[in-house]
């Protein structure tokens, strides 16, 4: 004989607290942006200082065109910002949230590898 439990309390709580499908979809899309190695390297390169496209390209050993494409994706997602100085555009992390997201991911990886 199988027994069933009453899940109504927990299901109501979850239903009341879970974000909308639209917000969950937006969150999934945000995390997809961090899933690209080139974009992750660009974000890391901006941790310490703002940089222009040519500096990022030189640092990562990639073409300026490839870096510009990824910077546009990051800028469209509000992960990086930019400012113009003469003909040069400098890129920087949009805010501390970007650094926190990456830091938390690394903290998770390090704990996992240390067997916690």
PDB file of N, CA and C in Angstrom:
ATOM      1  N   UNK A   1       0.846  -1.170   0.000  1.00  0.00           N
ATOM      2  CA  UNK A   1       0.000   0.000   0.000  1.00  0.00           C
ATOM      3  C   UNK A   1       0.896   1.239   0.000  1.00  0.00           C
ATOM      4  N   UNK A   2       0.672   2.142  -0.931  1.00  0.00           N
ATOM      5  CA  UNK A   2       1.491   3.347  -0.974  1.00  0.00           C
ATOM      6  C   UNK A   2       0.821   4.457  -0.172  1.00  0.00           C
ATOM      7  N   UNK A   3       1.654   5.229   0.444  1.00  0.00           N
ATOM      8  CA  UNK A   3       1.158   6.366   1.223  1.00  0.00           C
ATOM      9  C   UNK A   3       1.504   7.646   0.472  1.00  0.00           C
ATOM     10  N   UNK A   4       0.650   8.592   0.537  1.00  0.00           N
ATOM     11  CA  UNK A   4       0.928   9.895  -0.060  1.00  0.00           C
ATOM     12  C   UNK A   4       0.926  10.916   1.061  1.00  0.00           C
ATOM     13  N   UNK A   5       1.720  11.918   0.899  1.00  0.00           N
ATOM     14  CA  UNK A   5       1.709  12.978   1.902  1.00  0.00           C
ATOM     15  C   UNK A   5       1.012  14.189   1.321  1.00  0.00           C
ATOM     16  N   UNK A   6       0.679  15.043   2.243  1.00  0.00           N
ATOM     17  CA  UNK A   6       0.010  16.284   1.870  1.00  0.00           C
ATOM     18  C   UNK A   6       1.093  17.331   1.589  1.00  0.00           C
ATOM     19  N   UNK A   7       1.249  17.677   0.325  1.00  0.00           N
ATOM     20  CA  UNK A   7       2.253  18.667  -0.091  1.00  0.00           C
ATOM     21  C   UNK A   7       1.659  20.059  -0.216  1.00  0.00           C
ATOM     22  N   UNK A   8       0.410  20.221   0.099  1.00  0.00           N
ATOM     23  CA  UNK A   8      -0.281  21.484  -0.178  1.00  0.00           C
ATOM     24  C   UNK A   8       0.390  22.682   0.491  1.00  0.00           C
ATOM     25  N   UNK A   9       0.867  22.534   1.704  1.00  0.00           N
ATOM     26  CA  UNK A   9       1.494  23.659   2.404  1.00  0.00           C
ATOM     27  C   UNK A   9       2.759  24.127   1.719  1.00  0.00           C
ATOM     28  N   UNK A  10       3.654  23.187   1.421  1.00  0.00           N
ATOM     29  CA  UNK A  10       4.918  23.563   0.779  1.00  0.00           C
ATOM     30  C   UNK A  10       4.684  24.050  -0.641  1.00  0.00           C
ATOM     31  N   UNK A  11       3.750  23.448  -1.358  1.00  0.00           N
ATOM     32  CA  UNK A  11       3.461  23.876  -2.729  1.00  0.00           C
ATOM     33  C   UNK A  11       2.894  25.289  -2.753  1.00  0.00           C
ATOM     34  N   UNK A  12       2.050  25.624  -1.795  1.00  0.00           N
ATOM     35  CA  UNK A  12       1.510  26.980  -1.723  1.00  0.00           C
ATOM     36  C   UNK A  12       2.625  27.978  -1.435  1.00  0.00           C
ATOM     37  N   UNK A  13       3.503  27.620  -0.500  1.00  0.00           N
ATOM     38  CA  UNK A  13       4.622  28.506  -0.154  1.00  0.00           C
ATOM     39  C   UNK A  13       5.508  28.751  -1.373  1.00  0.00           C
ATOM     40  N   UNK A  14       5.850  27.678  -2.083  1.00  0.00           N
ATOM     41  CA  UNK A  14       6.699  27.811  -3.269  1.00  0.00           C
ATOM     42  C   UNK A  14       5.993  28.650  -4.328  1.00  0.00           C
ATOM     43  N   UNK A  15       4.724  28.369  -4.554  1.00  0.00           N
ATOM     44  CA  UNK A  15       3.970  29.114  -5.562  1.00  0.00           C
ATOM     45  C   UNK A  15       3.905  30.599  -5.228  1.00  0.00           C
ATOM     46  N   UNK A  16       3.769  30.913  -3.946  1.00  0.00           N
ATOM     47  CA  UNK A  16       3.689  32.309  -3.521  1.00  0.00           C
ATOM     48  C   UNK A  16       5.031  33.036  -3.635  1.00  0.00           C
ATOM     49  N   UNK A  17       6.129  32.285  -3.539  1.00  0.00           N
ATOM     50  CA  UNK A  17       7.452  32.906  -3.487  1.00  0.00           C
ATOM     51  C   UNK A  17       8.218  32.879  -4.806  1.00  0.00           C
ATOM     52  N   UNK A  18       7.891  31.948  -5.696  1.00  0.00           N
ATOM     53  CA  UNK A  18       8.682  31.802  -6.921  1.00  0.00           C
ATOM     54  C   UNK A  18       8.473  33.017  -7.835  1.00  0.00           C
ATOM     55  N   UNK A  19       9.564  33.501  -8.431  1.00  0.00           N
ATOM     56  CA  UNK A  19       9.426  34.629  -9.361  1.00  0.00           C
ATOM     57  C   UNK A  19       8.598  34.238 -10.585  1.00  0.00           C
ATOM     58  N   UNK A  20       8.191  35.245 -11.327  1.00  0.00           N
ATOM     59  CA  UNK A  20       7.406  34.996 -12.537  1.00  0.00           C
ATOM     60  C   UNK A  20       8.245  34.246 -13.573  1.00  0.00           C
ATOM     61  N   UNK A  21       7.566  33.580 -14.502  1.00  0.00           N
ATOM     62  CA  UNK A  21       8.255  32.873 -15.577  1.00  0.00           C
ATOM     63  C   UNK A  21       9.152  33.824 -16.365  1.00  0.00           C
ATOM     64  N   UNK A  22       8.688  35.046 -16.566  1.00  0.00           N
ATOM     65  CA  UNK A  22       9.475  36.036 -17.314  1.00  0.00           C
ATOM     66  C   UNK A  22      10.796  36.339 -16.600  1.00  0.00           C
ATOM     67  N   UNK A  23      10.736  36.541 -15.271  1.00  0.00           N
ATOM     68  CA  UNK A  23      11.962  36.822 -14.524  1.00  0.00           C
ATOM     69  C   UNK A  23      12.894  35.611 -14.497  1.00  0.00           C
ATOM     70  N   UNK A  24      12.349  34.426 -14.366  1.00  0.00           N
ATOM     71  CA  UNK A  24      13.182  33.225 -14.378  1.00  0.00           C
ATOM     72  C   UNK A  24      13.849  33.060 -15.737  1.00  0.00           C
ATOM     73  N   UNK A  25      13.140  33.335 -16.803  1.00  0.00           N
ATOM     74  CA  UNK A  25      13.705  33.275 -18.153  1.00  0.00           C
ATOM     75  C   UNK A  25      14.829  34.298 -18.305  1.00  0.00           C
ATOM     76  N   UNK A  26      14.597  35.525 -17.803  1.00  0.00           N
ATOM     77  CA  UNK A  26      15.631  36.565 -17.862  1.00  0.00           C
ATOM     78  C   UNK A  26      16.869  36.155 -17.068  1.00  0.00           C
ATOM     79  N   UNK A  27      16.667  35.525 -15.909  1.00  0.00           N
ATOM     80  CA  UNK A  27      17.793  35.058 -15.102  1.00  0.00           C
ATOM     81  C   UNK A  27      18.577  33.978 -15.842  1.00  0.00           C
ATOM     82  N   UNK A  28      17.883  33.054 -16.464  1.00  0.00           N
ATOM     83  CA  UNK A  28      18.549  32.002 -17.238  1.00  0.00           C
ATOM     84  C   UNK A  28      19.364  32.618 -18.374  1.00  0.00           C
ATOM     85  N   UNK A  29      18.802  33.620 -19.034  1.00  0.00           N
ATOM     86  CA  UNK A  29      19.524  34.297 -20.116  1.00  0.00           C
ATOM     87  C   UNK A  29      20.772  35.003 -19.584  1.00  0.00           C
ATOM     88  N   UNK A  30      20.662  35.609 -18.402  1.00  0.00           N
ATOM     89  CA  UNK A  30      21.816  36.272 -17.787  1.00  0.00           C
ATOM     90  C   UNK A  30      22.934  35.269 -17.538  1.00  0.00           C
ATOM     91  N   UNK A  31      22.585  34.128 -16.953  1.00  0.00           N
ATOM     92  CA  UNK A  31      23.609  33.132 -16.662  1.00  0.00           C
ATOM     93  C   UNK A  31      24.223  32.551 -17.932  1.00  0.00           C
ATOM     94  N   UNK A  32      23.474  32.510 -19.022  1.00  0.00           N
ATOM     95  CA  UNK A  32      24.037  32.044 -20.295  1.00  0.00           C
ATOM     96  C   UNK A  32      25.190  32.946 -20.740  1.00  0.00           C
ATOM     97  N   UNK A  33      25.085  34.232 -20.438  1.00  0.00           N
ATOM     98  CA  UNK A  33      26.139  35.171 -20.822  1.00  0.00           C
ATOM     99  C   UNK A  33      27.458  34.832 -20.143  1.00  0.00           C
ATOM    100  N   UNK A  34      27.391  34.314 -18.928  1.00  0.00           N
ATOM    101  CA  UNK A  34      28.596  33.942 -18.199  1.00  0.00           C
ATOM    102  C   UNK A  34      29.141  32.595 -18.678  1.00  0.00           C
ATOM    103  N   UNK A  35      28.384  31.899 -19.513  1.00  0.00           N
ATOM    104  CA  UNK A  35      28.769  30.582 -19.989  1.00  0.00           C
ATOM    105  C   UNK A  35      29.719  30.590 -21.169  1.00  0.00           C
ATOM    106  N   UNK A  36      30.117  31.745 -21.631  1.00  0.00           N
ATOM    107  CA  UNK A  36      31.039  31.852 -22.760  1.00  0.00           C
ATOM    108  C   UNK A  36      32.426  32.219 -22.233  1.00  0.00           C
ATOM    109  N   UNK A  37      33.426  31.419 -22.582  1.00  0.00           N
ATOM    110  CA  UNK A  37      34.783  31.620 -22.067  1.00  0.00           C
ATOM    111  C   UNK A  37      35.337  32.991 -22.435  1.00  0.00           C
ATOM    112  N   UNK A  38      35.133  33.421 -23.662  1.00  0.00           N
ATOM    113  CA  UNK A  38      35.652  34.730 -24.080  1.00  0.00           C
ATOM    114  C   UNK A  38      35.017  35.840 -23.257  1.00  0.00           C
ATOM    115  N   UNK A  39      33.708  35.797 -23.085  1.00  0.00           N
ATOM    116  CA  UNK A  39      33.051  36.838 -22.283  1.00  0.00           C
ATOM    117  C   UNK A  39      33.538  36.803 -20.844  1.00  0.00           C
ATOM    118  N   UNK A  40      33.733  35.610 -20.296  1.00  0.00           N
ATOM    119  CA  UNK A  40      34.240  35.501 -18.924  1.00  0.00           C
ATOM    120  C   UNK A  40      35.636  36.123 -18.823  1.00  0.00           C
ATOM    121  N   UNK A  41      36.480  35.864 -19.803  1.00  0.00           N
ATOM    122  CA  UNK A  41      37.826  36.448 -19.791  1.00  0.00           C
ATOM    123  C   UNK A  41      37.774  37.965 -19.907  1.00  0.00           C
ATOM    124  N   UNK A  42      36.873  38.471 -20.731  1.00  0.00           N
ATOM    125  CA  UNK A  42      36.720  39.927 -20.857  1.00  0.00           C
ATOM    126  C   UNK A  42      36.307  40.512 -19.516  1.00  0.00           C
ATOM    127  N   UNK A  43      35.332  39.908 -18.866  1.00  0.00           N
ATOM    128  CA  UNK A  43      34.882  40.414 -17.561  1.00  0.00           C
ATOM    129  C   UNK A  43      36.025  40.396 -16.555  1.00  0.00           C
ATOM    130  N   UNK A  44      36.804  39.314 -16.540  1.00  0.00           N
ATOM    131  CA  UNK A  44      37.956  39.255 -15.632  1.00  0.00           C
ATOM    132  C   UNK A  44      38.970  40.338 -15.949  1.00  0.00           C
ATOM    133  N   UNK A  45      39.171  40.606 -17.227  1.00  0.00           N
ATOM    134  CA  UNK A  45      40.152  41.634 -17.600  1.00  0.00           C
ATOM    135  C   UNK A  45      39.715  43.016 -17.140  1.00  0.00           C
ATOM    136  N   UNK A  46      38.415  43.197 -16.930  1.00  0.00           N
ATOM    137  CA  UNK A  46      37.900  44.495 -16.475  1.00  0.00           C
ATOM    138  C   UNK A  46      37.781  44.587 -14.957  1.00  0.00           C
ATOM    139  N   UNK A  47      38.162  43.533 -14.242  1.00  0.00           N
ATOM    140  CA  UNK A  47      38.067  43.549 -12.784  1.00  0.00           C
ATOM    141  C   UNK A  47      38.913  44.659 -12.169  1.00  0.00           C
ATOM    142  N   UNK A  48      40.124  44.833 -12.686  1.00  0.00           N
ATOM    143  CA  UNK A  48      41.054  45.764 -12.050  1.00  0.00           C
ATOM    144  C   UNK A  48      41.054  47.154 -12.661  1.00  0.00           C
ATOM    145  N   UNK A  49      40.678  47.236 -13.927  1.00  0.00           N
ATOM    146  CA  UNK A  49      40.790  48.525 -14.603  1.00  0.00           C
ATOM    147  C   UNK A  49      39.907  48.553 -15.843  1.00  0.00           C
ATOM    148  N   UNK A  50      39.443  49.743 -16.188  1.00  0.00           N
ATOM    149  CA  UNK A  50      38.758  49.865 -17.467  1.00  0.00           C
ATOM    150  C   UNK A  50      39.799  49.706 -18.565  1.00  0.00           C
ATOM    151  N   UNK A  51      39.334  49.230 -19.725  1.00  0.00           N
ATOM    152  CA  UNK A  51      40.253  48.979 -20.831  1.00  0.00           C
ATOM    153  C   UNK A  51      39.563  49.286 -22.149  1.00  0.00           C
ATOM    154  N   UNK A  52      40.355  49.624 -23.150  1.00  0.00           N
ATOM    155  CA  UNK A  52      39.823  49.811 -24.498  1.00  0.00           C
ATOM    156  C   UNK A  52      39.844  48.462 -25.218  1.00  0.00           C
ATOM    157  N   UNK A  53      39.140  48.407 -26.349  1.00  0.00           N
ATOM    158  CA  UNK A  53      39.049  47.170 -27.120  1.00  0.00           C
ATOM    159  C   UNK A  53      40.427  46.654 -27.501  1.00  0.00           C
ATOM    160  N   UNK A  54      41.301  47.539 -27.952  1.00  0.00           N
ATOM    161  CA  UNK A  54      42.610  47.072 -28.415  1.00  0.00           C
ATOM    162  C   UNK A  54      43.425  46.480 -27.266  1.00  0.00           C
ATOM    163  N   UNK A  55      43.311  47.015 -26.068  1.00  0.00           N
ATOM    164  CA  UNK A  55      44.039  46.463 -24.918  1.00  0.00           C
ATOM    165  C   UNK A  55      43.483  45.089 -24.541  1.00  0.00           C
ATOM    166  N   UNK A  56      42.163  44.953 -24.545  1.00  0.00           N
ATOM    167  CA  UNK A  56      41.556  43.661 -24.224  1.00  0.00           C
ATOM    168  C   UNK A  56      41.956  42.627 -25.273  1.00  0.00           C
ATOM    169  N   UNK A  57      41.908  43.021 -26.540  1.00  0.00           N
ATOM    170  CA  UNK A  57      42.277  42.113 -27.632  1.00  0.00           C
ATOM    171  C   UNK A  57      43.727  41.659 -27.491  1.00  0.00           C
ATOM    172  N   UNK A  58      44.615  42.582 -27.185  1.00  0.00           N
ATOM    173  CA  UNK A  58      46.025  42.233 -27.003  1.00  0.00           C
ATOM    174  C   UNK A  58      46.193  41.305 -25.807  1.00  0.00           C
ATOM    175  N   UNK A  59      45.540  41.631 -24.703  1.00  0.00           N
ATOM    176  CA  UNK A  59      45.634  40.826 -23.487  1.00  0.00           C
ATOM    177  C   UNK A  59      45.162  39.389 -23.725  1.00  0.00           C
ATOM    178  N   UNK A  60      44.057  39.237 -24.458  1.00  0.00           N
ATOM    179  CA  UNK A  60      43.479  37.911 -24.682  1.00  0.00           C
ATOM    180  C   UNK A  60      43.999  37.220 -25.944  1.00  0.00           C
ATOM    181  N   UNK A  61      44.818  37.940 -26.734  1.00  0.00           N
ATOM    182  CA  UNK A  61      45.358  37.347 -27.958  1.00  0.00           C
ATOM    183  C   UNK A  61      44.276  37.091 -28.990  1.00  0.00           C
ATOM    184  N   UNK A  62      43.339  38.017 -29.100  1.00  0.00           N
ATOM    185  CA  UNK A  62      42.224  37.869 -30.033  1.00  0.00           C
ATOM    186  C   UNK A  62      42.125  39.109 -30.897  1.00  0.00           C
ATOM    187  N   UNK A  63      41.282  39.036 -31.920  1.00  0.00           N
ATOM    188  CA  UNK A  63      41.099  40.196 -32.792  1.00  0.00           C
ATOM    189  C   UNK A  63      40.200  41.223 -32.118  1.00  0.00           C
ATOM    190  N   UNK A  64      40.392  42.473 -32.502  1.00  0.00           N
ATOM    191  CA  UNK A  64      39.533  43.537 -31.975  1.00  0.00           C
ATOM    192  C   UNK A  64      38.083  43.307 -32.374  1.00  0.00           C
ATOM    193  N   UNK A  65      37.873  42.768 -33.568  1.00  0.00           N
ATOM    194  CA  UNK A  65      36.521  42.495 -34.044  1.00  0.00           C
ATOM    195  C   UNK A  65      35.817  41.488 -33.130  1.00  0.00           C
ATOM    196  N   UNK A  66      36.521  40.426 -32.761  1.00  0.00           N
ATOM    197  CA  UNK A  66      35.933  39.400 -31.883  1.00  0.00           C
ATOM    198  C   UNK A  66      35.613  39.993 -30.513  1.00  0.00           C
ATOM    199  N   UNK A  67      36.514  40.808 -30.005  1.00  0.00           N
ATOM    200  CA  UNK A  67      36.297  41.434 -28.692  1.00  0.00           C
ATOM    201  C   UNK A  67      35.139  42.419 -28.769  1.00  0.00           C
ATOM    202  N   UNK A  68      35.091  43.217 -29.824  1.00  0.00           N
ATOM    203  CA  UNK A  68      34.002  44.189 -29.983  1.00  0.00           C
ATOM    204  C   UNK A  68      32.642  43.497 -30.008  1.00  0.00           C
ATOM    205  N   UNK A  69      32.570  42.373 -30.697  1.00  0.00           N
ATOM    206  CA  UNK A  69      31.310  41.625 -30.758  1.00  0.00           C
ATOM    207  C   UNK A  69      30.883  41.190 -29.356  1.00  0.00           C
ATOM    208  N   UNK A  70      31.812  40.631 -28.600  1.00  0.00           N
ATOM    209  CA  UNK A  70      31.465  40.162 -27.255  1.00  0.00           C
ATOM    210  C   UNK A  70      31.165  41.327 -26.309  1.00  0.00           C
ATOM    211  N   UNK A  71      31.862  42.428 -26.465  1.00  0.00           N
ATOM    212  CA  UNK A  71      31.573  43.613 -25.641  1.00  0.00           C
ATOM    213  C   UNK A  71      30.170  44.137 -25.920  1.00  0.00           C
ATOM    214  N   UNK A  72      29.732  44.073 -27.168  1.00  0.00           N
ATOM    215  CA  UNK A  72      28.376  44.505 -27.485  1.00  0.00           C
ATOM    216  C   UNK A  72      27.352  43.623 -26.769  1.00  0.00           C
ATOM    217  N   UNK A  73      27.590  42.318 -26.775  1.00  0.00           N
ATOM    218  CA  UNK A  73      26.692  41.393 -26.069  1.00  0.00           C
ATOM    219  C   UNK A  73      26.657  41.732 -24.581  1.00  0.00           C
ATOM    220  N   UNK A  74      27.835  41.955 -23.996  1.00  0.00           N
ATOM    221  CA  UNK A  74      27.913  42.282 -22.572  1.00  0.00           C
ATOM    222  C   UNK A  74      27.283  43.633 -22.258  1.00  0.00           C
ATOM    223  N   UNK A  75      27.479  44.581 -23.151  1.00  0.00           N
ATOM    224  CA  UNK A  75      26.898  45.918 -22.934  1.00  0.00           C
ATOM    225  C   UNK A  75      25.383  45.884 -23.076  1.00  0.00           C
ATOM    226  N   UNK A  76      24.884  45.135 -24.060  1.00  0.00           N
ATOM    227  CA  UNK A  76      23.433  45.000 -24.242  1.00  0.00           C
ATOM    228  C   UNK A  76      22.775  44.363 -23.020  1.00  0.00           C
ATOM    229  N   UNK A  77      23.525  43.540 -22.297  1.00  0.00           N
ATOM    230  CA  UNK A  77      23.004  42.881 -21.096  1.00  0.00           C
ATOM    231  C   UNK A  77      23.283  43.698 -19.831  1.00  0.00           C
ATOM    232  N   UNK A  78      23.827  44.894 -20.004  1.00  0.00           N
ATOM    233  CA  UNK A  78      24.153  45.785 -18.876  1.00  0.00           C
ATOM    234  C   UNK A  78      25.177  45.183 -17.918  1.00  0.00           C
ATOM    235  N   UNK A  79      26.092  44.373 -18.448  1.00  0.00           N
ATOM    236  CA  UNK A  79      27.163  43.819 -17.625  1.00  0.00           C
ATOM    237  C   UNK A  79      28.412  44.680 -17.695  1.00  0.00           C
ATOM    238  N   UNK A  80      28.593  45.397 -18.802  1.00  0.00           N
ATOM    239  CA  UNK A  80      29.690  46.352 -18.921  1.00  0.00           C
ATOM    240  C   UNK A  80      29.121  47.694 -19.369  1.00  0.00           C
ATOM    241  N   UNK A  81      29.837  48.725 -18.992  1.00  0.00           N
ATOM    242  CA  UNK A  81      29.509  50.069 -19.437  1.00  0.00           C
ATOM    243  C   UNK A  81      30.676  50.597 -20.248  1.00  0.00           C
ATOM    244  N   UNK A  82      30.503  51.771 -20.819  1.00  0.00           N
ATOM    245  CA  UNK A  82      31.576  52.344 -21.623  1.00  0.00           C
ATOM    246  C   UNK A  82      31.561  53.859 -21.503  1.00  0.00           C
ATOM    247  N   UNK A  83      32.727  54.426 -21.797  1.00  0.00           N
ATOM    248  CA  UNK A  83      32.854  55.879 -21.871  1.00  0.00           C
ATOM    249  C   UNK A  83      33.815  56.205 -23.003  1.00  0.00           C
ATOM    250  N   UNK A  84      33.578  57.337 -23.622  1.00  0.00           N
ATOM    251  CA  UNK A  84      34.415  57.757 -24.748  1.00  0.00           C
ATOM    252  C   UNK A  84      35.393  58.824 -24.278  1.00  0.00           C
ATOM    253  N   UNK A  85      36.636  58.666 -24.731  1.00  0.00           N
ATOM    254  CA  UNK A  85      37.661  59.676 -24.495  1.00  0.00           C
ATOM    255  C   UNK A  85      38.332  59.927 -25.838  1.00  0.00           C
ATOM    256  N   UNK A  86      37.943  61.007 -26.503  1.00  0.00           N
ATOM    257  CA  UNK A  86      38.409  61.254 -27.865  1.00  0.00           C
ATOM    258  C   UNK A  86      37.816  60.195 -28.777  1.00  0.00           C
ATOM    259  N   UNK A  87      38.674  59.495 -29.506  1.00  0.00           N
ATOM    260  CA  UNK A  87      38.208  58.432 -30.403  1.00  0.00           C
ATOM    261  C   UNK A  87      38.191  57.060 -29.732  1.00  0.00           C
ATOM    262  N   UNK A  88      38.678  56.999 -28.511  1.00  0.00           N
ATOM    263  CA  UNK A  88      38.800  55.717 -27.816  1.00  0.00           C
ATOM    264  C   UNK A  88      37.629  55.496 -26.874  1.00  0.00           C
ATOM    265  N   UNK A  89      37.096  54.285 -26.908  1.00  0.00           N
ATOM    266  CA  UNK A  89      36.019  53.906 -25.989  1.00  0.00           C
ATOM    267  C   UNK A  89      36.611  52.958 -24.957  1.00  0.00           C
ATOM    268  N   UNK A  90      36.409  53.290 -23.694  1.00  0.00           N
ATOM    269  CA  UNK A  90      36.882  52.463 -22.586  1.00  0.00           C
ATOM    270  C   UNK A  90      35.703  51.710 -21.995  1.00  0.00           C
ATOM    271  N   UNK A  91      35.949  50.449 -21.672  1.00  0.00           N
ATOM    272  CA  UNK A  91      34.912  49.579 -21.107  1.00  0.00           C
ATOM    273  C   UNK A  91      35.245  49.274 -19.659  1.00  0.00           C
ATOM    274  N   UNK A  92      34.194  49.068 -18.869  1.00  0.00           N
ATOM    275  CA  UNK A  92      34.346  48.790 -17.441  1.00  0.00           C
ATOM    276  C   UNK A  92      33.168  47.938 -16.989  1.00  0.00           C
ATOM    277  N   UNK A  93      33.316  47.291 -15.839  1.00  0.00           N
ATOM    278  CA  UNK A  93      32.199  46.532 -15.284  1.00  0.00           C
ATOM    279  C   UNK A  93      31.071  47.495 -14.960  1.00  0.00           C
ATOM    280  N   UNK A  94      29.855  47.120 -15.298  1.00  0.00           N
ATOM    281  CA  UNK A  94      28.718  48.020 -15.120  1.00  0.00           C
ATOM    282  C   UNK A  94      28.474  48.344 -13.653  1.00  0.00           C
ATOM    283  N   UNK A  95      28.631  47.360 -12.765  1.00  0.00           N
ATOM    284  CA  UNK A  95      28.437  47.603 -11.342  1.00  0.00           C
ATOM    285  C   UNK A  95      29.024  46.453 -10.537  1.00  0.00           C
ATOM    286  N   UNK A  96      28.943  46.561  -9.220  1.00  0.00           N
ATOM    287  CA  UNK A  96      29.528  45.540  -8.347  1.00  0.00           C
ATOM    288  C   UNK A  96      28.815  44.200  -8.444  1.00  0.00           C
ATOM    289  N   UNK A  97      27.572  44.189  -8.929  1.00  0.00           N
ATOM    290  CA  UNK A  97      26.844  42.925  -9.049  1.00  0.00           C
ATOM    291  C   UNK A  97      27.568  41.948  -9.968  1.00  0.00           C
ATOM    292  N   UNK A  98      28.180  42.466 -11.019  1.00  0.00           N
ATOM    293  CA  UNK A  98      28.889  41.610 -11.972  1.00  0.00           C
ATOM    294  C   UNK A  98      30.039  40.907 -11.255  1.00  0.00           C
ATOM    295  N   UNK A  99      30.787  41.658 -10.489  1.00  0.00           N
ATOM    296  CA  UNK A  99      31.909  41.087  -9.728  1.00  0.00           C
ATOM    297  C   UNK A  99      31.401  40.079  -8.696  1.00  0.00           C
ATOM    298  N   UNK A 100      30.303  40.395  -8.031  1.00  0.00           N
ATOM    299  CA  UNK A 100      29.743  39.507  -7.008  1.00  0.00           C
ATOM    300  C   UNK A 100      29.301  38.179  -7.628  1.00  0.00           C
ATOM    301  N   UNK A 101      28.637  38.238  -8.780  1.00  0.00           N
ATOM    302  CA  UNK A 101      28.187  37.012  -9.453  1.00  0.00           C
ATOM    303  C   UNK A 101      29.385  36.114  -9.755  1.00  0.00           C
ATOM    304  N   UNK A 102      30.438  36.690 -10.307  1.00  0.00           N
ATOM    305  CA  UNK A 102      31.628  35.915 -10.651  1.00  0.00           C
ATOM    306  C   UNK A 102      32.321  35.411  -9.390  1.00  0.00           C
ATOM    307  N   UNK A 103      32.459  36.271  -8.394  1.00  0.00           N
ATOM    308  CA  UNK A 103      33.087  35.861  -7.133  1.00  0.00           C
ATOM    309  C   UNK A 103      32.328  34.704  -6.483  1.00  0.00           C
ATOM    310  N   UNK A 104      31.019  34.756  -6.490  1.00  0.00           N
ATOM    311  CA  UNK A 104      30.221  33.685  -5.889  1.00  0.00           C
ATOM    312  C   UNK A 104      30.399  32.376  -6.670  1.00  0.00           C
ATOM    313  N   UNK A 105      30.465  32.462  -7.991  1.00  0.00           N
ATOM    314  CA  UNK A 105      30.703  31.276  -8.797  1.00  0.00           C
ATOM    315  C   UNK A 105      32.042  30.646  -8.462  1.00  0.00           C
ATOM    316  N   UNK A 106      33.078  31.477  -8.333  1.00  0.00           N
ATOM    317  CA  UNK A 106      34.389  30.949  -7.989  1.00  0.00           C
ATOM    318  C   UNK A 106      34.419  30.379  -6.581  1.00  0.00           C
ATOM    319  N   UNK A 107      33.761  31.035  -5.664  1.00  0.00           N
ATOM    320  CA  UNK A 107      33.694  30.515  -4.295  1.00  0.00           C
ATOM    321  C   UNK A 107      33.070  29.121  -4.291  1.00  0.00           C
ATOM    322  N   UNK A 108      32.017  28.957  -5.066  1.00  0.00           N
ATOM    323  CA  UNK A 108      31.364  27.655  -5.176  1.00  0.00           C
ATOM    324  C   UNK A 108      32.326  26.614  -5.751  1.00  0.00           C
ATOM    325  N   UNK A 109      33.036  26.966  -6.821  1.00  0.00           N
ATOM    326  CA  UNK A 109      33.975  26.032  -7.443  1.00  0.00           C
ATOM    327  C   UNK A 109      35.098  25.640  -6.493  1.00  0.00           C
ATOM    328  N   UNK A 110      35.631  26.616  -5.786  1.00  0.00           N
ATOM    329  CA  UNK A 110      36.748  26.346  -4.863  1.00  0.00           C
ATOM    330  C   UNK A 110      36.280  25.442  -3.726  1.00  0.00           C
ATOM    331  N   UNK A 111      35.131  25.719  -3.156  1.00  0.00           N
ATOM    332  CA  UNK A 111      34.612  24.871  -2.083  1.00  0.00           C
ATOM    333  C   UNK A 111      34.389  23.447  -2.587  1.00  0.00           C
ATOM    334  N   UNK A 112      33.852  23.337  -3.792  1.00  0.00           N
ATOM    335  CA  UNK A 112      33.597  22.016  -4.393  1.00  0.00           C
ATOM    336  C   UNK A 112      34.905  21.243  -4.571  1.00  0.00           C
ATOM    337  N   UNK A 113      35.931  21.926  -5.015  1.00  0.00           N
ATOM    338  CA  UNK A 113      37.216  21.268  -5.267  1.00  0.00           C
ATOM    339  C   UNK A 113      37.948  20.931  -3.976  1.00  0.00           C
ATOM    340  N   UNK A 114      37.660  21.683  -2.906  1.00  0.00           N
ATOM    341  CA  UNK A 114      38.274  21.405  -1.612  1.00  0.00           C
ATOM    342  C   UNK A 114      37.496  20.331  -0.852  1.00  0.00           C
ATOM    343  N   UNK A 115      36.437  19.821  -1.479  1.00  0.00           N
ATOM    344  CA  UNK A 115      35.689  18.731  -0.886  1.00  0.00           C
ATOM    345  C   UNK A 115      34.697  19.137   0.180  1.00  0.00           C
ATOM    346  N   UNK A 116      34.250  20.361   0.138  1.00  0.00           N
ATOM    347  CA  UNK A 116      33.261  20.810   1.136  1.00  0.00           C
ATOM    348  C   UNK A 116      31.887  20.463   0.716  1.00  0.00           C
TER     349      UNK A 116
END
